[in-house]
Amino acid sequence: MNSNTWQSDDAPGDGDSGVSDASAPLGETGAGDSEVRGRVPVVEAPAAVFVPWARPVTWSDGASAPGVWAAFDAVERGFTGEATPDRDPMLLRSQSRLAALADCGVVLLIFLMFEVGFTALIALTKGVSVFEDPSQLKPLLLPMMAARAGFYVAGTALLLVLRRQRPACVGATLQGLPLNTLIGVAGAGAMLGVAVVFGLVSFVLFPEQRDRLDDNTERLKAFVPNLSIGGFALLAMFVSLNEEMLFRGLLMPRLRRLLGSWWAAVLTSTVVFTGLHLFDQEWFVLPMIAVLSVVMSLLTIWRRSLVPAIVMHAGFNFSQFMLLQATTGGA
């Protein structure tokens, strides 16, 4: 049996052998005949062979998972009511397309509830004038990102409970953590190189955009607070956790279930992700953001985990914060 990372919902089950083990007598036995004469011997079907590289990450059952993983699997089986965990939870096989569509609406609701609610809270406590001067929001940026992360995680957990789904359905798994972390670090480094090349090409083709880039940098300077290296690392982690949980963890698998294709899900979630950056980025930066979104989506699909995308996103953002800090001389 072979399966791959881009498996469809119509893939056969893992336990289908297609061989019947029934036996039937051919006739009555006479005197002196052996007891086995007149019967067809039963030939057992060979055990299914799983190709280890068919899917980079599979969900192991409790019998094969050592230590903490066995306990974690046991808890999840009790939580979901499943006798055997789905080998590919992110496919959401048990969820209908209508439910997936409803969940996409829930994801949008989670996003709007926090953004509108937090904006209203700032307006009530600090006054509407605070939005006219972005520098007044500097002290609130890190607490806001931390609160957003907590809100998104809580919203995701509630949705999983209501749908009786395991955390792995949104890529929240620690399986393969060391390798996934290394993949994320390598991805961040690669994307930094791509960003440098993209910037150089943009300046050659569109030299007038240099002033726009300076304006974009000044806008970020006015909004990003002066933090320590640890503070910037936390800020980068909170931002990446927020966006990856929302777009790659919650939205993308449900779009795949709704649209029937990972490619359609990647394209749709990338359009949404890139479009939301219109509010805080210049238009000529959007193609690079779209490339980042596609790469992080593919990493999530490949590894069936949010860890590579979160690490890559955090590393990329952290490097931008450090560059911004260096250009302002720590001011």
Protein backbone atom coordinates (compact mmCIF):
# COMPACT_ATOMS: atom_id res chain seq x y z
CA MET A 1 0.00 0.00 0.00
CA ASN A 2 1.37 3.38 -0.87
CA SER A 3 0.23 6.80 0.24
CA ASN A 4 1.76 10.19 -0.10
CA THR A 5 1.77 13.61 1.43
CA TRP A 6 -0.94 14.89 -0.92
CA GLN A 7 -3.34 11.99 -0.26
CA SER A 8 -6.97 12.48 -1.25
CA ASP A 9 -10.04 11.55 0.75
CA ASP A 10 -10.71 8.56 -1.52
CA ALA A 11 -7.59 6.63 -0.56
CA PRO A 12 -8.30 3.04 0.52
CA GLY A 13 -8.14 2.11 4.16
CA ASP A 14 -4.94 0.78 5.67
CA GLY A 15 -6.51 -2.50 6.70
CA ASP A 16 -8.02 -3.53 3.33
CA SER A 17 -6.35 -6.73 2.17
CA GLY A 18 -8.86 -7.85 -0.47
CA VAL A 19 -8.24 -11.57 0.45
CA SER A 20 -10.92 -13.82 1.91
CA ASP A 21 -9.86 -16.36 4.50
CA ALA A 22 -12.98 -18.53 4.16
CA SER A 23 -12.60 -22.26 3.52
CA ALA A 24 -15.26 -24.79 2.48
CA PRO A 25 -15.43 -28.60 2.28
CA LEU A 26 -15.31 -30.14 -1.19
CA GLY A 27 -16.90 -33.43 -0.27
CA GLU A 28 -17.38 -36.01 2.37
CA THR A 29 -14.38 -37.93 3.65
CA GLY A 30 -14.27 -41.69 3.26
CA ALA A 31 -12.82 -44.32 5.48
CA GLY A 32 -9.10 -44.03 5.91
CA ASP A 33 -9.05 -40.63 4.38
CA SER A 34 -7.09 -37.85 6.09
CA GLU A 35 -9.16 -35.24 7.92
CA VAL A 36 -7.70 -32.50 5.78
CA ARG A 37 -8.65 -34.24 2.51
CA GLY A 38 -11.51 -32.49 0.77
CA ARG A 39 -10.72 -29.06 2.23
CA VAL A 40 -8.83 -26.18 0.67
CA PRO A 41 -5.99 -25.03 2.93
CA VAL A 42 -6.36 -21.50 4.22
CA VAL A 43 -3.65 -19.14 2.99
CA GLU A 44 -3.31 -16.02 5.07
CA ALA A 45 -2.79 -12.72 3.26
CA PRO A 46 0.65 -11.17 3.78
CA ALA A 47 0.86 -8.30 6.19
CA ALA A 48 0.60 -4.84 4.64
CA VAL A 49 3.96 -3.23 4.00
CA PHE A 50 4.18 0.47 4.68
CA VAL A 51 6.73 2.44 2.71
CA PRO A 52 8.59 4.53 5.32
CA TRP A 53 9.11 7.49 3.02
CA ALA A 54 5.55 7.54 1.67
CA ARG A 55 4.57 10.16 4.20
CA PRO A 56 7.18 12.09 6.20
CA VAL A 57 5.09 12.19 9.37
CA THR A 58 2.58 9.56 10.49
CA TRP A 59 0.55 9.31 13.65
CA SER A 60 1.63 6.28 15.68
CA ASP A 61 -0.74 4.39 17.91
CA GLY A 62 -0.12 3.92 21.61
CA ALA A 63 1.35 0.44 21.21
CA SER A 64 4.30 1.73 19.21
CA ALA A 65 4.77 5.12 20.84
CA PRO A 66 7.17 5.06 23.79
CA GLY A 67 6.81 6.90 27.06
CA VAL A 68 5.00 10.21 26.93
CA TRP A 69 3.75 9.62 23.38
CA ALA A 70 1.88 6.48 24.50
CA ALA A 71 0.16 8.42 27.27
CA PHE A 72 -0.59 11.31 24.90
CA ASP A 73 -2.13 8.93 22.36
CA ALA A 74 -4.22 7.25 25.05
CA VAL A 75 -5.60 10.60 26.22
CA GLU A 76 -6.44 11.61 22.65
CA ARG A 77 -8.20 8.32 21.90
CA GLY A 78 -10.37 8.92 24.92
CA PHE A 79 -10.92 12.53 23.88
CA THR A 80 -11.97 11.75 20.32
CA GLY A 81 -13.62 8.40 20.96
CA GLU A 82 -11.46 6.71 18.30
CA ALA A 83 -10.18 3.18 18.76
CA THR A 84 -7.24 3.87 16.44
CA PRO A 85 -5.97 7.38 15.64
CA ASP A 86 -6.19 8.56 12.04
CA ARG A 87 -2.79 8.25 10.39
CA ASP A 88 -3.24 11.65 8.73
CA PRO A 89 -5.41 13.87 10.96
CA MET A 90 -4.91 17.04 8.87
CA LEU A 91 -6.99 15.51 6.05
CA LEU A 92 -10.08 15.87 8.29
CA ARG A 93 -11.70 12.79 6.70
CA SER A 94 -14.47 12.62 9.28
CA GLN A 95 -15.55 16.23 8.72
CA SER A 96 -18.10 17.17 6.09
CA ARG A 97 -17.50 19.94 3.57
CA LEU A 98 -20.36 21.92 5.09
CA ALA A 99 -18.72 21.70 8.51
CA ALA A 100 -15.41 22.76 6.96
CA LEU A 101 -17.12 25.80 5.44
CA ALA A 102 -18.63 26.65 8.82
CA ASP A 103 -15.20 26.34 10.44
CA CYS A 104 -13.75 28.79 7.90
CA GLY A 105 -16.37 31.24 9.10
CA VAL A 106 -15.37 30.50 12.70
CA VAL A 107 -11.73 31.25 11.85
CA LEU A 108 -12.77 34.61 10.42
CA LEU A 109 -14.89 35.25 13.51
CA ILE A 110 -11.96 34.47 15.83
CA PHE A 111 -9.80 36.94 13.91
CA LEU A 112 -12.41 39.71 13.88
CA MET A 113 -13.38 39.23 17.53
CA PHE A 114 -9.85 39.84 18.72
CA GLU A 115 -8.93 42.64 16.31
CA VAL A 116 -12.15 44.59 16.82
CA GLY A 117 -12.31 43.84 20.54
CA PHE A 118 -8.72 44.81 21.25
CA THR A 119 -9.00 47.97 19.14
CA ALA A 120 -12.13 48.97 21.03
CA LEU A 121 -10.37 48.29 24.34
CA ILE A 122 -7.45 50.54 23.37
CA ALA A 123 -9.83 53.28 22.23
CA LEU A 124 -11.73 53.14 25.52
CA THR A 125 -8.63 53.16 27.73
CA LYS A 126 -6.22 55.32 25.72
CA GLY A 127 -8.55 57.40 23.57
CA VAL A 128 -9.10 57.42 19.82
CA SER A 129 -6.23 59.88 19.31
CA VAL A 130 -3.73 57.11 20.08
CA PHE A 131 -4.28 55.67 16.59
CA GLU A 132 -3.17 58.95 14.98
CA ASP A 133 0.29 58.58 16.49
CA PRO A 134 1.62 55.00 16.06
CA SER A 135 4.47 55.68 18.49
CA GLN A 136 1.92 55.70 21.34
CA LEU A 137 1.17 52.07 20.56
CA LYS A 138 4.77 50.93 21.01
CA PRO A 139 4.39 49.86 24.67
CA LEU A 140 1.28 47.87 23.75
CA LEU A 141 2.72 45.86 20.86
CA LEU A 142 4.31 42.99 22.80
CA PRO A 143 1.38 42.58 25.26
CA MET A 144 -1.05 42.74 22.33
CA MET A 145 0.79 39.98 20.44
CA ALA A 146 0.93 37.83 23.58
CA ALA A 147 -2.80 38.35 24.18
CA ARG A 148 -3.55 37.54 20.55
CA ALA A 149 -1.55 34.31 20.78
CA GLY A 150 -3.46 33.27 23.89
CA PHE A 151 -6.79 34.15 22.29
CA TYR A 152 -6.04 32.23 19.09
CA VAL A 153 -4.80 29.16 20.97
CA ALA A 154 -7.88 29.21 23.21
CA GLY A 155 -10.17 29.61 20.19
CA THR A 156 -8.44 26.75 18.41
CA ALA A 157 -8.70 24.50 21.47
CA LEU A 158 -12.42 25.27 21.80
CA LEU A 159 -13.03 24.46 18.15
CA LEU A 160 -11.15 21.15 18.49
CA VAL A 161 -13.23 20.23 21.54
CA LEU A 162 -16.50 21.04 19.77
CA ARG A 163 -15.44 19.06 16.69
CA ARG A 164 -13.94 16.24 18.77
CA GLN A 165 -10.69 16.55 16.84
CA ARG A 166 -7.14 15.96 18.02
CA PRO A 167 -4.50 18.74 18.14
CA ALA A 168 -2.70 17.09 15.22
CA CYS A 169 -5.64 18.14 13.01
CA VAL A 170 -4.21 21.67 13.11
CA GLY A 171 -0.57 20.56 13.00
CA ALA A 172 -0.10 20.95 16.76
CA THR A 173 2.24 18.01 17.31
CA LEU A 174 5.74 17.64 18.72
CA GLN A 175 6.57 14.54 16.70
CA GLY A 176 9.80 15.06 14.81
CA LEU A 177 10.48 18.25 16.78
CA PRO A 178 14.30 18.39 16.31
CA LEU A 179 14.14 17.80 12.56
CA ASN A 180 11.18 20.13 12.10
CA THR A 181 13.01 22.86 14.01
CA LEU A 182 16.09 22.48 11.81
CA ILE A 183 13.91 22.62 8.70
CA GLY A 184 12.36 25.84 9.98
CA VAL A 185 15.76 27.41 10.67
CA ALA A 186 17.01 26.41 7.22
CA GLY A 187 13.83 27.81 5.68
CA ALA A 188 14.30 31.15 7.43
CA GLY A 189 17.87 31.40 6.14
CA ALA A 190 16.80 30.51 2.62
CA MET A 191 13.98 33.05 2.63
CA LEU A 192 16.34 35.78 3.86
CA GLY A 193 18.49 35.10 0.82
CA VAL A 194 15.44 35.20 -1.43
CA ALA A 195 14.35 38.49 0.17
CA VAL A 196 17.76 40.07 -0.52
CA VAL A 197 17.66 38.98 -4.17
CA PHE A 198 14.04 40.12 -4.45
CA GLY A 199 14.95 43.56 -3.06
CA LEU A 200 17.89 43.99 -5.42
CA VAL A 201 15.84 42.99 -8.45
CA SER A 202 13.01 45.31 -7.39
CA PHE A 203 15.38 48.26 -7.11
CA VAL A 204 16.81 47.55 -10.56
CA LEU A 205 13.43 47.17 -12.23
CA PHE A 206 11.60 49.81 -10.19
CA PRO A 207 14.17 52.31 -8.86
CA GLU A 208 11.38 54.69 -7.84
CA GLN A 209 10.30 52.15 -5.21
CA ARG A 210 13.36 52.92 -3.09
CA ASP A 211 11.57 55.89 -1.56
CA ARG A 212 8.53 53.73 -0.87
CA LEU A 213 10.72 51.22 0.93
CA ASP A 214 12.12 54.03 3.07
CA ASP A 215 8.56 55.09 3.92
CA ASN A 216 7.71 51.50 4.83
CA THR A 217 10.77 51.31 7.09
CA GLU A 218 9.85 54.58 8.80
CA ARG A 219 6.33 53.27 9.44
CA LEU A 220 7.75 50.16 11.10
CA LYS A 221 10.17 52.25 13.16
CA ALA A 222 7.27 54.28 14.50
CA PHE A 223 5.36 51.15 15.51
CA VAL A 224 7.96 48.62 16.68
CA PRO A 225 9.14 49.26 20.27
CA ASN A 226 12.75 49.32 21.44
CA LEU A 227 13.18 45.89 23.05
CA SER A 228 16.02 43.68 24.16
CA ILE A 229 17.11 40.77 21.97
CA GLY A 230 14.98 38.47 24.12
CA GLY A 231 12.03 40.84 23.76
CA PHE A 232 12.35 40.84 19.99
CA ALA A 233 12.60 37.04 20.01
CA LEU A 234 9.35 36.84 22.02
CA LEU A 235 7.67 39.33 19.70
CA ALA A 236 8.74 37.35 16.63
CA MET A 237 7.53 34.09 18.20
CA PHE A 238 4.14 35.53 19.18
CA VAL A 239 3.56 37.00 15.71
CA SER A 240 4.50 33.75 13.97
CA LEU A 241 2.42 31.63 16.37
CA ASN A 242 -0.60 33.86 15.77
CA GLU A 243 -0.44 33.82 11.99
CA GLU A 244 0.60 30.19 11.53
CA MET A 245 -2.04 28.86 13.91
CA LEU A 246 -4.71 30.87 12.13
CA PHE A 247 -3.73 30.46 8.47
CA ARG A 248 -1.74 27.23 8.24
CA GLY A 249 -3.25 25.36 11.21
CA LEU A 250 -6.94 26.25 11.20
CA LEU A 251 -7.76 27.70 7.79
CA MET A 252 -5.67 25.71 5.30
CA PRO A 253 -6.77 22.13 6.25
CA ARG A 254 -10.42 23.21 6.22
CA LEU A 255 -10.00 24.86 2.84
CA ARG A 256 -8.48 21.60 1.59
CA ARG A 257 -11.49 19.68 2.92
CA LEU A 258 -13.87 22.23 1.39
CA LEU A 259 -12.14 22.60 -2.01
CA GLY A 260 -10.81 19.03 -2.29
CA SER A 261 -7.20 19.95 -3.06
CA TRP A 262 -4.13 21.03 -1.10
CA TRP A 263 -3.10 23.29 -3.98
CA ALA A 264 -6.42 25.12 -3.91
CA ALA A 265 -6.10 25.47 -0.14
CA VAL A 266 -2.55 26.85 -0.41
CA LEU A 267 -3.57 29.36 -3.08
CA THR A 268 -6.68 30.54 -1.23
CA SER A 269 -5.00 30.88 2.17
CA THR A 270 -2.07 32.70 0.53
CA VAL A 271 -4.41 35.22 -1.10
CA VAL A 272 -6.05 35.90 2.27
CA PHE A 273 -2.72 36.03 4.14
CA THR A 274 -1.14 38.38 1.59
CA GLY A 275 -4.22 40.58 1.33
CA LEU A 276 -4.27 41.25 5.07
CA HIS A 277 -0.73 42.62 4.81
CA LEU A 278 -2.00 45.39 2.53
CA PHE A 279 -2.84 47.33 5.67
CA ASP A 280 0.74 47.55 6.96
CA GLN A 281 3.00 46.97 3.92
CA GLU A 282 3.73 48.67 0.61
CA TRP A 283 2.25 46.89 -2.41
CA PHE A 284 5.62 45.98 -3.96
CA VAL A 285 6.47 43.90 -0.87
CA LEU A 286 3.38 41.71 -1.30
CA PRO A 287 4.90 39.27 -3.84
CA MET A 288 7.61 38.39 -1.32
CA ILE A 289 4.97 37.89 1.37
CA ALA A 290 3.07 35.59 -1.00
CA VAL A 291 6.22 33.52 -1.60
CA LEU A 292 6.74 33.23 2.16
CA SER A 293 3.14 32.09 2.61
CA VAL A 294 3.43 29.40 -0.07
CA VAL A 295 6.70 28.06 1.36
CA MET A 296 5.33 27.94 4.92
CA SER A 297 2.17 26.23 3.65
CA LEU A 298 4.18 23.58 1.80
CA LEU A 299 6.35 22.94 4.86
CA THR A 300 3.23 22.43 6.97
CA ILE A 301 1.75 20.00 4.44
CA TRP A 302 5.02 18.11 4.03
CA ARG A 303 5.78 17.70 7.72
CA ARG A 304 2.15 17.62 8.96
CA SER A 305 3.29 20.01 11.70
CA LEU A 306 3.20 23.76 12.34
CA VAL A 307 6.67 23.71 13.90
CA PRO A 308 8.68 24.29 10.68
CA ALA A 309 6.44 27.18 9.59
CA ILE A 310 6.43 28.78 13.06
CA VAL A 311 10.22 28.55 13.39
CA MET A 312 10.79 29.81 9.85
CA HIS A 313 8.34 32.70 10.29
CA ALA A 314 9.79 33.65 13.67
CA GLY A 315 13.36 33.50 12.37
CA PHE A 316 12.51 35.66 9.37
CA ASN A 317 10.69 38.25 11.50
CA PHE A 318 13.44 38.27 14.13
CA SER A 319 16.05 39.05 11.48
CA GLN A 320 13.89 41.94 10.26
CA PHE A 321 13.58 43.31 13.80
CA MET A 322 17.33 43.09 14.29
CA LEU A 323 17.95 44.84 10.97
CA LEU A 324 15.49 47.56 11.92
CA GLN A 325 17.20 47.93 15.29
CA ALA A 326 20.60 48.21 13.63
CA THR A 327 19.45 50.89 11.17
CA THR A 328 18.06 53.03 14.00
CA GLY A 329 21.10 52.67 16.22
CA GLY A 330 19.00 51.11 18.98
CA ALA A 331 16.63 54.08 19.13
